Amino acid sequence: MENKNKTSPFSMNPYIFTILLLGFGLWCFWDGWITKNPEMLKHANLNRVLSAILLPWGIYDFFKLRKKQKNRIGSEDK
């Protein structure tokens, strides 16, 4: 007899990596460019470089995933 109460495996949101990239990029942007905390000024250059890398990467990843999902939905309709 088959068990009809099978649960599907855990499925992670495809945007979780993008959200983490953007969140960490915004945090680095805040610490590198906006904050006036003298303790964080020691790490300002690192945070500026990281924000310059992570924010564009997160934006690129967002549009790449969105395009992939639109293509997947379009192929399912056919």
N, C-alpha and C. Protein backbone atom coordinates (compact mmCIF):
# COMPACT_ATOMS: atom_id res chain seq x y z
N MET A 1 0.83 -1.17 0.00
CA MET A 1 0.00 0.00 0.00
C MET A 1 0.88 1.24 0.00
N GLU A 2 0.45 2.21 -0.79
CA GLU A 2 1.20 3.46 -0.88
C GLU A 2 0.75 4.43 0.20
N ASN A 3 1.68 5.15 0.70
CA ASN A 3 1.37 6.16 1.70
C ASN A 3 0.97 7.45 0.99
N LYS A 4 -0.27 7.88 1.14
CA LYS A 4 -0.76 9.06 0.44
C LYS A 4 -0.38 10.35 1.16
N ASN A 5 0.19 10.26 2.31
CA ASN A 5 0.57 11.45 3.07
C ASN A 5 2.04 11.80 2.91
N LYS A 6 2.60 11.53 1.74
CA LYS A 6 4.00 11.84 1.51
C LYS A 6 4.18 13.36 1.49
N THR A 7 5.25 13.81 2.11
CA THR A 7 5.54 15.23 2.09
C THR A 7 6.62 15.49 1.06
N SER A 8 6.53 16.62 0.41
CA SER A 8 7.55 16.96 -0.57
C SER A 8 8.79 17.47 0.15
N PRO A 9 9.94 17.31 -0.46
CA PRO A 9 11.16 17.79 0.19
C PRO A 9 11.15 19.30 0.33
N PHE A 10 11.92 19.78 1.28
CA PHE A 10 11.99 21.20 1.54
C PHE A 10 12.49 21.92 0.30
N SER A 11 11.80 22.97 -0.08
CA SER A 11 12.18 23.76 -1.26
C SER A 11 12.51 25.18 -0.81
N MET A 12 13.72 25.60 -1.14
CA MET A 12 14.17 26.92 -0.73
C MET A 12 13.77 27.95 -1.79
N ASN A 13 13.48 29.15 -1.34
CA ASN A 13 13.15 30.24 -2.24
C ASN A 13 14.35 30.53 -3.13
N PRO A 14 14.18 30.64 -4.45
CA PRO A 14 15.34 30.89 -5.33
C PRO A 14 15.96 32.27 -5.13
N TYR A 15 15.24 33.17 -4.49
CA TYR A 15 15.76 34.53 -4.29
C TYR A 15 16.52 34.69 -2.98
N ILE A 16 16.73 33.64 -2.21
CA ILE A 16 17.38 33.78 -0.90
C ILE A 16 18.81 34.26 -1.04
N PHE A 17 19.54 33.76 -2.03
CA PHE A 17 20.92 34.19 -2.24
C PHE A 17 20.95 35.66 -2.66
N THR A 18 20.01 36.07 -3.50
CA THR A 18 19.92 37.46 -3.94
C THR A 18 19.61 38.37 -2.76
N ILE A 19 18.70 37.95 -1.90
CA ILE A 19 18.36 38.76 -0.73
C ILE A 19 19.56 38.90 0.20
N LEU A 20 20.31 37.82 0.37
CA LEU A 20 21.50 37.88 1.21
C LEU A 20 22.56 38.80 0.61
N LEU A 21 22.76 38.72 -0.70
CA LEU A 21 23.72 39.60 -1.37
C LEU A 21 23.34 41.06 -1.20
N LEU A 22 22.08 41.37 -1.46
CA LEU A 22 21.63 42.76 -1.35
C LEU A 22 21.66 43.24 0.09
N GLY A 23 21.26 42.40 1.01
CA GLY A 23 21.27 42.79 2.42
C GLY A 23 22.67 43.07 2.93
N PHE A 24 23.59 42.16 2.62
CA PHE A 24 24.97 42.37 3.07
C PHE A 24 25.60 43.55 2.33
N GLY A 25 25.25 43.73 1.05
CA GLY A 25 25.76 44.87 0.29
C GLY A 25 25.26 46.19 0.86
N LEU A 26 23.99 46.23 1.27
CA LEU A 26 23.45 47.45 1.87
C LEU A 26 24.09 47.73 3.23
N TRP A 27 24.34 46.68 3.98
CA TRP A 27 25.01 46.84 5.27
C TRP A 27 26.42 47.40 5.08
N CYS A 28 27.15 46.84 4.10
CA CYS A 28 28.50 47.35 3.81
C CYS A 28 28.44 48.78 3.29
N PHE A 29 27.43 49.09 2.48
CA PHE A 29 27.27 50.46 1.99
C PHE A 29 27.06 51.43 3.15
N TRP A 30 26.21 51.03 4.08
CA TRP A 30 25.94 51.87 5.25
C TRP A 30 27.23 52.08 6.06
N ASP A 31 27.94 51.00 6.33
CA ASP A 31 29.15 51.10 7.14
C ASP A 31 30.28 51.82 6.41
N GLY A 32 30.31 51.73 5.10
CA GLY A 32 31.41 52.33 4.35
C GLY A 32 31.21 53.77 3.96
N TRP A 33 29.97 54.18 3.71
CA TRP A 33 29.72 55.51 3.17
C TRP A 33 28.91 56.43 4.08
N ILE A 34 28.00 55.90 4.87
CA ILE A 34 27.04 56.75 5.57
C ILE A 34 27.34 56.90 7.06
N THR A 35 27.76 55.84 7.70
CA THR A 35 27.91 55.88 9.16
C THR A 35 28.97 56.89 9.61
N LYS A 36 28.75 57.43 10.78
CA LYS A 36 29.69 58.36 11.39
C LYS A 36 30.39 57.74 12.60
N ASN A 37 30.16 56.45 12.81
CA ASN A 37 30.75 55.73 13.93
C ASN A 37 32.27 55.66 13.75
N PRO A 38 33.06 56.24 14.66
CA PRO A 38 34.52 56.25 14.49
C PRO A 38 35.15 54.86 14.48
N GLU A 39 34.52 53.90 15.15
CA GLU A 39 35.05 52.54 15.14
C GLU A 39 34.92 51.89 13.77
N MET A 40 33.86 52.22 13.05
CA MET A 40 33.65 51.62 11.74
C MET A 40 34.49 52.30 10.66
N LEU A 41 35.01 53.47 10.94
CA LEU A 41 35.82 54.17 9.94
C LEU A 41 37.13 53.43 9.67
N LYS A 42 37.55 52.58 10.61
CA LYS A 42 38.75 51.77 10.38
C LYS A 42 38.53 50.78 9.23
N HIS A 43 37.28 50.37 9.05
CA HIS A 43 36.95 49.36 8.04
C HIS A 43 36.23 49.97 6.84
N ALA A 44 36.29 51.28 6.70
CA ALA A 44 35.51 51.95 5.67
C ALA A 44 35.91 51.51 4.26
N ASN A 45 37.19 51.37 4.00
CA ASN A 45 37.63 51.00 2.64
C ASN A 45 37.15 49.60 2.27
N LEU A 46 37.25 48.66 3.20
CA LEU A 46 36.77 47.31 2.93
C LEU A 46 35.27 47.32 2.65
N ASN A 47 34.50 48.04 3.47
CA ASN A 47 33.06 48.09 3.28
C ASN A 47 32.69 48.78 1.97
N ARG A 48 33.43 49.78 1.57
CA ARG A 48 33.15 50.45 0.29
C ARG A 48 33.39 49.51 -0.88
N VAL A 49 34.49 48.78 -0.83
CA VAL A 49 34.78 47.83 -1.91
C VAL A 49 33.75 46.72 -1.94
N LEU A 50 33.42 46.18 -0.77
CA LEU A 50 32.42 45.10 -0.73
C LEU A 50 31.05 45.58 -1.22
N SER A 51 30.65 46.79 -0.87
CA SER A 51 29.36 47.29 -1.34
C SER A 51 29.38 47.50 -2.85
N ALA A 52 30.53 47.91 -3.39
CA ALA A 52 30.65 48.10 -4.84
C ALA A 52 30.60 46.77 -5.58
N ILE A 53 30.93 45.69 -4.92
CA ILE A 53 30.87 44.37 -5.55
C ILE A 53 29.52 43.70 -5.32
N LEU A 54 29.05 43.71 -4.07
CA LEU A 54 27.86 42.94 -3.71
C LEU A 54 26.56 43.52 -4.24
N LEU A 55 26.42 44.84 -4.24
CA LEU A 55 25.16 45.44 -4.71
C LEU A 55 24.93 45.19 -6.20
N PRO A 56 25.90 45.45 -7.09
CA PRO A 56 25.66 45.12 -8.50
C PRO A 56 25.46 43.63 -8.74
N TRP A 57 26.18 42.80 -7.99
CA TRP A 57 26.02 41.36 -8.12
C TRP A 57 24.61 40.94 -7.72
N GLY A 58 24.09 41.49 -6.64
CA GLY A 58 22.73 41.17 -6.21
C GLY A 58 21.68 41.64 -7.20
N ILE A 59 21.88 42.83 -7.76
CA ILE A 59 20.94 43.34 -8.77
C ILE A 59 20.97 42.47 -10.02
N TYR A 60 22.18 42.10 -10.47
CA TYR A 60 22.31 41.23 -11.63
C TYR A 60 21.64 39.88 -11.38
N ASP A 61 21.87 39.31 -10.20
CA ASP A 61 21.29 38.02 -9.87
C ASP A 61 19.77 38.09 -9.82
N PHE A 62 19.22 39.19 -9.31
CA PHE A 62 17.77 39.36 -9.25
C PHE A 62 17.16 39.32 -10.65
N PHE A 63 17.73 40.09 -11.58
CA PHE A 63 17.18 40.12 -12.93
C PHE A 63 17.41 38.81 -13.67
N LYS A 64 18.52 38.13 -13.40
CA LYS A 64 18.77 36.84 -14.02
C LYS A 64 17.74 35.81 -13.56
N LEU A 65 17.45 35.78 -12.25
CA LEU A 65 16.45 34.84 -11.74
C LEU A 65 15.05 35.18 -12.25
N ARG A 66 14.74 36.46 -12.30
CA ARG A 66 13.42 36.87 -12.79
C ARG A 66 13.22 36.45 -14.25
N LYS A 67 14.26 36.61 -15.06
CA LYS A 67 14.19 36.20 -16.47
C LYS A 67 14.04 34.69 -16.58
N LYS A 68 14.78 33.96 -15.74
CA LYS A 68 14.69 32.50 -15.76
C LYS A 68 13.29 32.02 -15.38
N GLN A 69 12.69 32.67 -14.37
CA GLN A 69 11.33 32.28 -13.96
C GLN A 69 10.31 32.62 -15.03
N LYS A 70 10.48 33.76 -15.70
CA LYS A 70 9.55 34.12 -16.79
C LYS A 70 9.65 33.11 -17.93
N ASN A 71 10.87 32.68 -18.25
CA ASN A 71 11.06 31.69 -19.30
C ASN A 71 10.45 30.35 -18.89
N ARG A 72 10.58 29.98 -17.61
CA ARG A 72 10.03 28.72 -17.13
C ARG A 72 8.49 28.77 -17.20
N ILE A 73 7.90 29.88 -16.80
CA ILE A 73 6.44 30.02 -16.85
C ILE A 73 5.96 30.01 -18.29
N GLY A 74 6.71 30.66 -19.17
CA GLY A 74 6.34 30.68 -20.58
C GLY A 74 6.43 29.30 -21.23
N SER A 75 7.41 28.51 -20.83
CA SER A 75 7.55 27.17 -21.40
C SER A 75 6.50 26.20 -20.84
N GLU A 76 6.01 26.46 -19.62
CA GLU A 76 4.96 25.61 -19.05
C GLU A 76 3.62 25.87 -19.71
N ASP A 77 3.40 27.11 -20.20
CA ASP A 77 2.13 27.43 -20.83
C ASP A 77 1.99 26.79 -22.20
N LYS A 78 3.08 26.45 -22.82
CA LYS A 78 3.02 25.88 -24.19
C LYS A 78 2.73 24.43 -24.18
